[in-house]
Amino acid sequence: MSYLKENLGTIIVSLILLLIVVLIIRSLIIRKKKGVTSLSCGCDCANCTLNCKKRI
């Protein structure tokens, strides 16, 4: 029991970080199931505003 008392701060911070990671992964999975991509142009190079062709 003294171990828990001595490391309570570390345990709480670790649980909060774990919760954040789980929520991020959950969000990514939901977005993938909905078909949302990370590209803002929707994978249509003709309408892309990122000037990808100029960088290549």
C-alpha atoms as a PDB file:
ATOM      1  CA  MET A   1       0.000   0.000   0.000  1.00  0.00           C
ATOM      2  CA  SER A   2       2.895   2.379   0.625  1.00  0.00           C
ATOM      3  CA  TYR A   3       4.006   1.855  -3.000  1.00  0.00           C
ATOM      4  CA  LEU A   4       0.696   3.296  -4.215  1.00  0.00           C
ATOM      5  CA  LYS A   5       0.965   6.290  -1.896  1.00  0.00           C
ATOM      6  CA  GLU A   6       4.538   7.022  -2.943  1.00  0.00           C
ATOM      7  CA  ASN A   7       3.789   6.779  -6.658  1.00  0.00           C
ATOM      8  CA  LEU A   8       0.241   8.134  -6.792  1.00  0.00           C
ATOM      9  CA  GLY A   9       1.229  11.165  -8.902  1.00  0.00           C
ATOM     10  CA  THR A  10       3.041   9.025 -11.461  1.00  0.00           C
ATOM     11  CA  ILE A  11       0.142   6.581 -11.637  1.00  0.00           C
ATOM     12  CA  ILE A  12      -2.407   9.366 -12.182  1.00  0.00           C
ATOM     13  CA  VAL A  13      -0.334  11.063 -14.899  1.00  0.00           C
ATOM     14  CA  SER A  14       0.228   7.709 -16.619  1.00  0.00           C
ATOM     15  CA  LEU A  15      -3.500   6.937 -16.586  1.00  0.00           C
ATOM     16  CA  ILE A  16      -4.317  10.359 -18.027  1.00  0.00           C
ATOM     17  CA  LEU A  17      -1.756   9.906 -20.821  1.00  0.00           C
ATOM     18  CA  LEU A  18      -3.081   6.417 -21.531  1.00  0.00           C
ATOM     19  CA  LEU A  19      -6.618   7.810 -21.767  1.00  0.00           C
ATOM     20  CA  ILE A  20      -5.473  10.494 -24.219  1.00  0.00           C
ATOM     21  CA  VAL A  21      -3.737   7.909 -26.422  1.00  0.00           C
ATOM     22  CA  VAL A  22      -6.813   5.644 -26.385  1.00  0.00           C
ATOM     23  CA  LEU A  23      -9.063   8.567 -27.370  1.00  0.00           C
ATOM     24  CA  ILE A  24      -6.738   9.543 -30.227  1.00  0.00           C
ATOM     25  CA  ILE A  25      -6.656   5.983 -31.552  1.00  0.00           C
ATOM     26  CA  ARG A  26     -10.447   5.731 -31.227  1.00  0.00           C
ATOM     27  CA  SER A  27     -10.852   8.977 -33.159  1.00  0.00           C
ATOM     28  CA  LEU A  28      -8.561   7.751 -35.938  1.00  0.00           C
ATOM     29  CA  ILE A  29     -10.484   4.473 -36.230  1.00  0.00           C
ATOM     30  CA  ILE A  30     -13.839   6.288 -36.395  1.00  0.00           C
ATOM     31  CA  ARG A  31     -12.524   8.685 -39.057  1.00  0.00           C
ATOM     32  CA  LYS A  32     -11.165   5.787 -41.112  1.00  0.00           C
ATOM     33  CA  LYS A  33     -14.515   3.956 -40.946  1.00  0.00           C
ATOM     34  CA  LYS A  34     -16.272   7.131 -42.140  1.00  0.00           C
ATOM     35  CA  GLY A  35     -13.813   7.414 -45.023  1.00  0.00           C
ATOM     36  CA  VAL A  36     -12.286  10.697 -43.894  1.00  0.00           C
ATOM     37  CA  THR A  37      -8.721  11.079 -45.095  1.00  0.00           C
ATOM     38  CA  SER A  38      -5.959  13.179 -43.618  1.00  0.00           C
ATOM     39  CA  LEU A  39      -5.512  15.054 -46.879  1.00  0.00           C
ATOM     40  CA  SER A  40      -7.436  18.296 -47.073  1.00  0.00           C
ATOM     41  CA  CYS A  41      -7.798  18.108 -50.855  1.00  0.00           C
ATOM     42  CA  GLY A  42      -9.670  14.773 -50.761  1.00  0.00           C
ATOM     43  CA  CYS A  43      -6.993  12.951 -52.778  1.00  0.00           C
ATOM     44  CA  ASP A  44      -7.957  14.867 -55.915  1.00  0.00           C
ATOM     45  CA  CYS A  45      -4.740  16.324 -57.278  1.00  0.00           C
ATOM     46  CA  ALA A  46      -6.605  18.610 -59.686  1.00  0.00           C
ATOM     47  CA  ASN A  47      -8.167  20.468 -56.745  1.00  0.00           C
ATOM     48  CA  CYS A  48      -5.162  20.301 -54.439  1.00  0.00           C
ATOM     49  CA  THR A  49      -4.092  23.622 -52.954  1.00  0.00           C
ATOM     50  CA  LEU A  50      -0.907  22.247 -51.407  1.00  0.00           C
ATOM     51  CA  ASN A  51       1.168  22.736 -54.580  1.00  0.00           C
ATOM     52  CA  CYS A  52       2.371  19.135 -54.420  1.00  0.00           C
ATOM     53  CA  LYS A  53       3.359  19.088 -58.097  1.00  0.00           C
ATOM     54  CA  LYS A  54       5.763  21.997 -57.607  1.00  0.00           C
ATOM     55  CA  ARG A  55       7.588  20.264 -54.738  1.00  0.00           C
ATOM     56  CA  ILE A  56       8.191  17.014 -56.588  1.00  0.00           C
END
